[in-house]
């Protein structure tokens, strides 16, 4: 996948154990989109601007879900550490 071959640590949802896996087995275009929107929203905090950049229409329910990424990201980091 585009020459990206590094490994990442993920938490196995079944076992609760950390696993080292190739990034191309867990990364997706949707993950990239969510990451972009979450990072941009964290920096800009203007939902109209970020929504327009990501192709969402005003009042999009789907876009509202992206605005919670920061909390989800924090939980993921805590799970990786703990």
PDB file of N, CA and C in Angstrom:
ATOM      1  N   UNK A   1       0.845  -1.170   0.000  1.00  0.00           N
ATOM      2  CA  UNK A   1       0.000   0.000   0.000  1.00  0.00           C
ATOM      3  C   UNK A   1       0.892   1.235   0.000  1.00  0.00           C
ATOM      4  N   UNK A   2       1.118   1.826  -1.106  1.00  0.00           N
ATOM      5  CA  UNK A   2       1.863   3.069  -1.249  1.00  0.00           C
ATOM      6  C   UNK A   2       3.237   3.025  -0.584  1.00  0.00           C
ATOM      7  N   UNK A   3       3.788   1.848  -0.396  1.00  0.00           N
ATOM      8  CA  UNK A   3       5.112   1.722   0.186  1.00  0.00           C
ATOM      9  C   UNK A   3       5.181   1.980   1.678  1.00  0.00           C
ATOM     10  N   UNK A   4       4.037   2.077   2.334  1.00  0.00           N
ATOM     11  CA  UNK A   4       4.020   2.284   3.783  1.00  0.00           C
ATOM     12  C   UNK A   4       4.047   0.916   4.441  1.00  0.00           C
ATOM     13  N   UNK A   5       5.151   0.628   5.096  1.00  0.00           N
ATOM     14  CA  UNK A   5       5.333  -0.732   5.615  1.00  0.00           C
ATOM     15  C   UNK A   5       5.575  -0.803   7.118  1.00  0.00           C
ATOM     16  N   UNK A   6       5.435   0.309   7.824  1.00  0.00           N
ATOM     17  CA  UNK A   6       5.752   0.266   9.256  1.00  0.00           C
ATOM     18  C   UNK A   6       4.701  -0.515  10.033  1.00  0.00           C
ATOM     19  N   UNK A   7       5.088  -0.955  11.212  1.00  0.00           N
ATOM     20  CA  UNK A   7       4.187  -1.669  12.103  1.00  0.00           C
ATOM     21  C   UNK A   7       3.669  -0.719  13.171  1.00  0.00           C
ATOM     22  N   UNK A   8       2.477  -0.992  13.656  1.00  0.00           N
ATOM     23  CA  UNK A   8       1.868  -0.194  14.714  1.00  0.00           C
ATOM     24  C   UNK A   8       1.366  -1.132  15.807  1.00  0.00           C
ATOM     25  N   UNK A   9       1.223  -0.583  16.987  1.00  0.00           N
ATOM     26  CA  UNK A   9       0.691  -1.363  18.099  1.00  0.00           C
ATOM     27  C   UNK A   9      -0.800  -1.080  18.209  1.00  0.00           C
ATOM     28  N   UNK A  10      -1.586  -2.155  18.237  1.00  0.00           N
ATOM     29  CA  UNK A  10      -3.024  -2.010  18.445  1.00  0.00           C
ATOM     30  C   UNK A  10      -3.428  -2.883  19.619  1.00  0.00           C
ATOM     31  N   UNK A  11      -4.561  -2.577  20.187  1.00  0.00           N
ATOM     32  CA  UNK A  11      -5.102  -3.387  21.282  1.00  0.00           C
ATOM     33  C   UNK A  11      -6.116  -4.347  20.702  1.00  0.00           C
ATOM     34  N   UNK A  12      -5.888  -5.631  20.903  1.00  0.00           N
ATOM     35  CA  UNK A  12      -6.806  -6.653  20.426  1.00  0.00           C
ATOM     36  C   UNK A  12      -8.084  -6.564  21.254  1.00  0.00           C
ATOM     37  N   UNK A  13      -9.214  -6.317  20.598  1.00  0.00           N
ATOM     38  CA  UNK A  13     -10.480  -6.145  21.305  1.00  0.00           C
ATOM     39  C   UNK A  13     -10.926  -7.416  22.017  1.00  0.00           C
ATOM     40  N   UNK A  14     -10.565  -8.566  21.479  1.00  0.00           N
ATOM     41  CA  UNK A  14     -10.962  -9.837  22.090  1.00  0.00           C
ATOM     42  C   UNK A  14     -10.134 -10.174  23.319  1.00  0.00           C
ATOM     43  N   UNK A  15      -8.809 -10.037  23.194  1.00  0.00           N
ATOM     44  CA  UNK A  15      -7.920 -10.476  24.266  1.00  0.00           C
ATOM     45  C   UNK A  15      -7.500  -9.344  25.205  1.00  0.00           C
ATOM     46  N   UNK A  16      -7.597  -8.101  24.734  1.00  0.00           N
ATOM     47  CA  UNK A  16      -7.152  -6.978  25.540  1.00  0.00           C
ATOM     48  C   UNK A  16      -5.640  -6.791  25.521  1.00  0.00           C
ATOM     49  N   UNK A  17      -4.953  -7.615  24.759  1.00  0.00           N
ATOM     50  CA  UNK A  17      -3.489  -7.549  24.663  1.00  0.00           C
ATOM     51  C   UNK A  17      -3.070  -6.638  23.515  1.00  0.00           C
ATOM     52  N   UNK A  18      -1.917  -5.988  23.671  1.00  0.00           N
ATOM     53  CA  UNK A  18      -1.352  -5.198  22.586  1.00  0.00           C
ATOM     54  C   UNK A  18      -0.712  -6.114  21.565  1.00  0.00           C
ATOM     55  N   UNK A  19      -0.853  -5.761  20.290  1.00  0.00           N
ATOM     56  CA  UNK A  19      -0.284  -6.544  19.195  1.00  0.00           C
ATOM     57  C   UNK A  19       0.432  -5.615  18.227  1.00  0.00           C
ATOM     58  N   UNK A  20       1.502  -6.086  17.648  1.00  0.00           N
ATOM     59  CA  UNK A  20       2.236  -5.367  16.625  1.00  0.00           C
ATOM     60  C   UNK A  20       1.763  -5.890  15.267  1.00  0.00           C
ATOM     61  N   UNK A  21       1.182  -4.991  14.449  1.00  0.00           N
ATOM     62  CA  UNK A  21       0.634  -5.396  13.157  1.00  0.00           C
ATOM     63  C   UNK A  21       1.067  -4.411  12.077  1.00  0.00           C
ATOM     64  N   UNK A  22       1.116  -4.854  10.813  1.00  0.00           N
ATOM     65  CA  UNK A  22       1.416  -3.926   9.721  1.00  0.00           C
ATOM     66  C   UNK A  22       0.321  -2.864   9.618  1.00  0.00           C
ATOM     67  N   UNK A  23       0.727  -1.625   9.402  1.00  0.00           N
ATOM     68  CA  UNK A  23      -0.241  -0.525   9.372  1.00  0.00           C
ATOM     69  C   UNK A  23      -1.294  -0.706   8.284  1.00  0.00           C
ATOM     70  N   UNK A  24      -0.930  -1.352   7.175  1.00  0.00           N
ATOM     71  CA  UNK A  24      -1.905  -1.505   6.093  1.00  0.00           C
ATOM     72  C   UNK A  24      -3.035  -2.473   6.436  1.00  0.00           C
ATOM     73  N   UNK A  25      -2.919  -3.208   7.543  1.00  0.00           N
ATOM     74  CA  UNK A  25      -4.009  -4.095   7.949  1.00  0.00           C
ATOM     75  C   UNK A  25      -5.041  -3.374   8.808  1.00  0.00           C
ATOM     76  N   UNK A  26      -4.706  -2.189   9.312  1.00  0.00           N
ATOM     77  CA  UNK A  26      -5.649  -1.464  10.162  1.00  0.00           C
ATOM     78  C   UNK A  26      -6.018  -0.093   9.608  1.00  0.00           C
ATOM     79  N   UNK A  27      -5.203   0.464   8.716  1.00  0.00           N
ATOM     80  CA  UNK A  27      -5.474   1.795   8.167  1.00  0.00           C
ATOM     81  C   UNK A  27      -6.455   1.695   7.004  1.00  0.00           C
ATOM     82  N   UNK A  28      -7.277   2.721   6.861  1.00  0.00           N
ATOM     83  CA  UNK A  28      -8.235   2.778   5.758  1.00  0.00           C
ATOM     84  C   UNK A  28      -8.407   4.232   5.336  1.00  0.00           C
ATOM     85  N   UNK A  29      -9.050   4.433   4.207  1.00  0.00           N
ATOM     86  CA  UNK A  29      -9.305   5.807   3.776  1.00  0.00           C
ATOM     87  C   UNK A  29     -10.259   6.494   4.753  1.00  0.00           C
ATOM     88  N   UNK A  30     -11.160   5.738   5.329  1.00  0.00           N
ATOM     89  CA  UNK A  30     -12.078   6.316   6.305  1.00  0.00           C
ATOM     90  C   UNK A  30     -11.326   6.745   7.557  1.00  0.00           C
ATOM     91  N   UNK A  31     -10.380   5.949   7.988  1.00  0.00           N
ATOM     92  CA  UNK A  31      -9.554   6.326   9.135  1.00  0.00           C
ATOM     93  C   UNK A  31      -8.772   7.602   8.828  1.00  0.00           C
ATOM     94  N   UNK A  32      -8.239   7.694   7.625  1.00  0.00           N
ATOM     95  CA  UNK A  32      -7.498   8.893   7.233  1.00  0.00           C
ATOM     96  C   UNK A  32      -8.419  10.114   7.237  1.00  0.00           C
ATOM     97  N   UNK A  33      -9.625   9.948   6.739  1.00  0.00           N
ATOM     98  CA  UNK A  33     -10.588  11.060   6.709  1.00  0.00           C
ATOM     99  C   UNK A  33     -10.935  11.494   8.130  1.00  0.00           C
ATOM    100  N   UNK A  34     -11.216  10.537   8.993  1.00  0.00           N
ATOM    101  CA  UNK A  34     -11.546  10.860  10.389  1.00  0.00           C
ATOM    102  C   UNK A  34     -10.377  11.559  11.080  1.00  0.00           C
ATOM    103  N   UNK A  35      -9.171  11.082  10.808  1.00  0.00           N
ATOM    104  CA  UNK A  35      -7.988  11.683  11.414  1.00  0.00           C
ATOM    105  C   UNK A  35      -7.819  13.118  10.937  1.00  0.00           C
ATOM    106  N   UNK A  36      -7.959  13.336   9.631  1.00  0.00           N
ATOM    107  CA  UNK A  36      -7.850  14.688   9.083  1.00  0.00           C
ATOM    108  C   UNK A  36      -8.883  15.616   9.719  1.00  0.00           C
ATOM    109  N   UNK A  37     -10.130  15.182   9.742  1.00  0.00           N
ATOM    110  CA  UNK A  37     -11.196  16.026  10.278  1.00  0.00           C
ATOM    111  C   UNK A  37     -10.957  16.307  11.762  1.00  0.00           C
ATOM    112  N   UNK A  38     -10.591  15.278  12.504  1.00  0.00           N
ATOM    113  CA  UNK A  38     -10.341  15.468  13.928  1.00  0.00           C
ATOM    114  C   UNK A  38      -9.197  16.420  14.198  1.00  0.00           C
ATOM    115  N   UNK A  39      -8.095  16.265  13.473  1.00  0.00           N
ATOM    116  CA  UNK A  39      -6.945  17.152  13.649  1.00  0.00           C
ATOM    117  C   UNK A  39      -7.273  18.585  13.229  1.00  0.00           C
ATOM    118  N   UNK A  40      -7.961  18.734  12.110  1.00  0.00           N
ATOM    119  CA  UNK A  40      -8.321  20.075  11.638  1.00  0.00           C
ATOM    120  C   UNK A  40      -9.285  20.737  12.610  1.00  0.00           C
ATOM    121  N   UNK A  41     -10.269  20.003  13.084  1.00  0.00           N
ATOM    122  CA  UNK A  41     -11.247  20.572  14.016  1.00  0.00           C
ATOM    123  C   UNK A  41     -10.583  20.972  15.328  1.00  0.00           C
ATOM    124  N   UNK A  42      -9.624  20.180  15.774  1.00  0.00           N
ATOM    125  CA  UNK A  42      -8.901  20.492  17.004  1.00  0.00           C
ATOM    126  C   UNK A  42      -8.144  21.812  16.868  1.00  0.00           C
ATOM    127  N   UNK A  43      -7.607  22.077  15.672  1.00  0.00           N
ATOM    128  CA  UNK A  43      -6.833  23.302  15.438  1.00  0.00           C
ATOM    129  C   UNK A  43      -7.718  24.507  15.136  1.00  0.00           C
ATOM    130  N   UNK A  44      -8.791  24.306  14.378  1.00  0.00           N
ATOM    131  CA  UNK A  44      -9.588  25.419  13.886  1.00  0.00           C
ATOM    132  C   UNK A  44     -10.868  25.621  14.702  1.00  0.00           C
ATOM    133  N   UNK A  45     -11.483  24.571  15.137  1.00  0.00           N
ATOM    134  CA  UNK A  45     -12.727  24.596  15.924  1.00  0.00           C
ATOM    135  C   UNK A  45     -13.878  25.322  15.230  1.00  0.00           C
ATOM    136  N   UNK A  46     -13.876  25.325  13.926  1.00  0.00           N
ATOM    137  CA  UNK A  46     -14.984  25.918  13.170  1.00  0.00           C
ATOM    138  C   UNK A  46     -15.642  24.806  12.365  1.00  0.00           C
ATOM    139  N   UNK A  47     -16.762  24.284  12.847  1.00  0.00           N
ATOM    140  CA  UNK A  47     -17.374  23.148  12.161  1.00  0.00           C
ATOM    141  C   UNK A  47     -17.797  23.449  10.727  1.00  0.00           C
ATOM    142  N   UNK A  48     -18.186  24.695  10.442  1.00  0.00           N
ATOM    143  CA  UNK A  48     -18.588  25.028   9.072  1.00  0.00           C
ATOM    144  C   UNK A  48     -17.413  24.930   8.103  1.00  0.00           C
ATOM    145  N   UNK A  49     -16.267  25.438   8.500  1.00  0.00           N
ATOM    146  CA  UNK A  49     -15.080  25.398   7.653  1.00  0.00           C
ATOM    147  C   UNK A  49     -14.605  23.962   7.445  1.00  0.00           C
ATOM    148  N   UNK A  50     -14.507  23.207   8.523  1.00  0.00           N
ATOM    149  CA  UNK A  50     -14.029  21.821   8.426  1.00  0.00           C
ATOM    150  C   UNK A  50     -15.035  20.968   7.656  1.00  0.00           C
ATOM    151  N   UNK A  51     -16.329  21.186   7.885  1.00  0.00           N
ATOM    152  CA  UNK A  51     -17.359  20.449   7.157  1.00  0.00           C
ATOM    153  C   UNK A  51     -17.272  20.693   5.660  1.00  0.00           C
ATOM    154  N   UNK A  52     -17.064  21.940   5.291  1.00  0.00           N
ATOM    155  CA  UNK A  52     -16.939  22.291   3.872  1.00  0.00           C
ATOM    156  C   UNK A  52     -15.702  21.629   3.256  1.00  0.00           C
ATOM    157  N   UNK A  53     -14.575  21.654   3.999  1.00  0.00           N
ATOM    158  CA  UNK A  53     -13.344  21.051   3.495  1.00  0.00           C
ATOM    159  C   UNK A  53     -13.480  19.543   3.297  1.00  0.00           C
ATOM    160  N   UNK A  54     -14.298  18.913   4.119  1.00  0.00           N
ATOM    161  CA  UNK A  54     -14.415  17.452   4.058  1.00  0.00           C
ATOM    162  C   UNK A  54     -15.616  16.988   3.234  1.00  0.00           C
ATOM    163  N   UNK A  55     -16.323  17.936   2.617  1.00  0.00           N
ATOM    164  CA  UNK A  55     -17.420  17.567   1.722  1.00  0.00           C
ATOM    165  C   UNK A  55     -18.739  17.291   2.416  1.00  0.00           C
ATOM    166  N   UNK A  56     -18.897  17.723   3.657  1.00  0.00           N
ATOM    167  CA  UNK A  56     -20.160  17.542   4.364  1.00  0.00           C
ATOM    168  C   UNK A  56     -21.052  18.768   4.161  1.00  0.00           C
ATOM    169  N   UNK A  57     -22.339  18.534   4.074  1.00  0.00           N
ATOM    170  CA  UNK A  57     -23.286  19.633   3.944  1.00  0.00           C
ATOM    171  C   UNK A  57     -23.586  20.207   5.328  1.00  0.00           C
ATOM    172  N   UNK A  58     -24.070  21.454   5.358  1.00  0.00           N
ATOM    173  CA  UNK A  58     -24.429  22.079   6.632  1.00  0.00           C
ATOM    174  C   UNK A  58     -25.446  21.212   7.378  1.00  0.00           C
ATOM    175  N   UNK A  59     -25.224  21.030   8.667  1.00  0.00           N
ATOM    176  CA  UNK A  59     -26.141  20.244   9.494  1.00  0.00           C
ATOM    177  C   UNK A  59     -25.999  18.743   9.338  1.00  0.00           C
ATOM    178  N   UNK A  60     -24.950  18.299   8.698  1.00  0.00           N
ATOM    179  CA  UNK A  60     -24.750  16.868   8.465  1.00  0.00           C
ATOM    180  C   UNK A  60     -24.642  16.099   9.783  1.00  0.00           C
ATOM    181  N   UNK A  61     -25.484  15.091   9.949  1.00  0.00           N
ATOM    182  CA  UNK A  61     -25.409  14.255  11.151  1.00  0.00           C
ATOM    183  C   UNK A  61     -24.112  13.450  11.156  1.00  0.00           C
ATOM    184  N   UNK A  62     -23.661  13.034   9.992  1.00  0.00           N
ATOM    185  CA  UNK A  62     -22.415  12.271   9.908  1.00  0.00           C
ATOM    186  C   UNK A  62     -21.238  13.108  10.397  1.00  0.00           C
ATOM    187  N   UNK A  63     -21.223  14.383  10.023  1.00  0.00           N
ATOM    188  CA  UNK A  63     -20.118  15.242  10.442  1.00  0.00           C
ATOM    189  C   UNK A  63     -20.112  15.452  11.950  1.00  0.00           C
ATOM    190  N   UNK A  64     -21.269  15.513  12.567  1.00  0.00           N
ATOM    191  CA  UNK A  64     -21.346  15.689  14.021  1.00  0.00           C
ATOM    192  C   UNK A  64     -20.627  14.564  14.751  1.00  0.00           C
ATOM    193  N   UNK A  65     -20.660  13.358  14.197  1.00  0.00           N
ATOM    194  CA  UNK A  65     -19.953  12.232  14.829  1.00  0.00           C
ATOM    195  C   UNK A  65     -18.448  12.457  14.821  1.00  0.00           C
ATOM    196  N   UNK A  66     -17.926  13.096  13.791  1.00  0.00           N
ATOM    197  CA  UNK A  66     -16.492  13.353  13.702  1.00  0.00           C
ATOM    198  C   UNK A  66     -16.016  14.306  14.790  1.00  0.00           C
ATOM    199  N   UNK A  67     -16.890  15.152  15.271  1.00  0.00           N
ATOM    200  CA  UNK A  67     -16.495  16.143  16.266  1.00  0.00           C
ATOM    201  C   UNK A  67     -16.164  15.502  17.613  1.00  0.00           C
ATOM    202  N   UNK A  68     -16.491  14.247  17.807  1.00  0.00           N
ATOM    203  CA  UNK A  68     -16.177  13.539  19.049  1.00  0.00           C
ATOM    204  C   UNK A  68     -14.857  12.782  18.958  1.00  0.00           C
ATOM    205  N   UNK A  69     -14.137  12.967  17.884  1.00  0.00           N
ATOM    206  CA  UNK A  69     -12.897  12.219  17.684  1.00  0.00           C
ATOM    207  C   UNK A  69     -11.905  12.459  18.803  1.00  0.00           C
ATOM    208  N   UNK A  70     -11.815  13.672  19.279  1.00  0.00           N
ATOM    209  CA  UNK A  70     -10.816  13.966  20.294  1.00  0.00           C
ATOM    210  C   UNK A  70     -10.998  13.065  21.519  1.00  0.00           C
ATOM    211  N   UNK A  71     -12.218  12.905  22.005  1.00  0.00           N
ATOM    212  CA  UNK A  71     -12.458  12.022  23.149  1.00  0.00           C
ATOM    213  C   UNK A  71     -12.130  10.575  22.811  1.00  0.00           C
ATOM    214  N   UNK A  72     -12.506  10.128  21.612  1.00  0.00           N
ATOM    215  CA  UNK A  72     -12.201   8.762  21.194  1.00  0.00           C
ATOM    216  C   UNK A  72     -10.699   8.543  21.111  1.00  0.00           C
ATOM    217  N   UNK A  73      -9.993   9.518  20.599  1.00  0.00           N
ATOM    218  CA  UNK A  73      -8.542   9.416  20.482  1.00  0.00           C
ATOM    219  C   UNK A  73      -7.909   9.322  21.862  1.00  0.00           C
ATOM    220  N   UNK A  74      -8.369  10.132  22.785  1.00  0.00           N
ATOM    221  CA  UNK A  74      -7.839  10.073  24.150  1.00  0.00           C
ATOM    222  C   UNK A  74      -8.081   8.708  24.777  1.00  0.00           C
ATOM    223  N   UNK A  75      -9.263   8.153  24.596  1.00  0.00           N
ATOM    224  CA  UNK A  75      -9.580   6.826  25.132  1.00  0.00           C
ATOM    225  C   UNK A  75      -8.683   5.769  24.520  1.00  0.00           C
ATOM    226  N   UNK A  76      -8.418   5.875  23.220  1.00  0.00           N
ATOM    227  CA  UNK A  76      -7.549   4.901  22.549  1.00  0.00           C
ATOM    228  C   UNK A  76      -6.148   4.962  23.116  1.00  0.00           C
ATOM    229  N   UNK A  77      -5.642   6.157  23.338  1.00  0.00           N
ATOM    230  CA  UNK A  77      -4.307   6.313  23.890  1.00  0.00           C
ATOM    231  C   UNK A  77      -4.243   5.731  25.301  1.00  0.00           C
ATOM    232  N   UNK A  78      -5.261   6.008  26.093  1.00  0.00           N
ATOM    233  CA  UNK A  78      -5.303   5.470  27.449  1.00  0.00           C
ATOM    234  C   UNK A  78      -5.323   3.944  27.423  1.00  0.00           C
ATOM    235  N   UNK A  79      -6.096   3.368  26.514  1.00  0.00           N
ATOM    236  CA  UNK A  79      -6.156   1.913  26.390  1.00  0.00           C
ATOM    237  C   UNK A  79      -4.814   1.324  25.963  1.00  0.00           C
ATOM    238  N   UNK A  80      -4.098   2.022  25.094  1.00  0.00           N
ATOM    239  CA  UNK A  80      -2.784   1.535  24.668  1.00  0.00           C
ATOM    240  C   UNK A  80      -1.777   1.570  25.821  1.00  0.00           C
ATOM    241  N   UNK A  81      -1.860   2.596  26.632  1.00  0.00           N
ATOM    242  CA  UNK A  81      -0.930   2.742  27.731  1.00  0.00           C
ATOM    243  C   UNK A  81      -1.235   1.760  28.846  1.00  0.00           C
ATOM    244  N   UNK A  82      -2.525   1.632  29.164  1.00  0.00           N
ATOM    245  CA  UNK A  82      -2.943   0.802  30.288  1.00  0.00           C
ATOM    246  C   UNK A  82      -3.039  -0.609  29.940  1.00  0.00           C
TER     247      UNK A  82
END
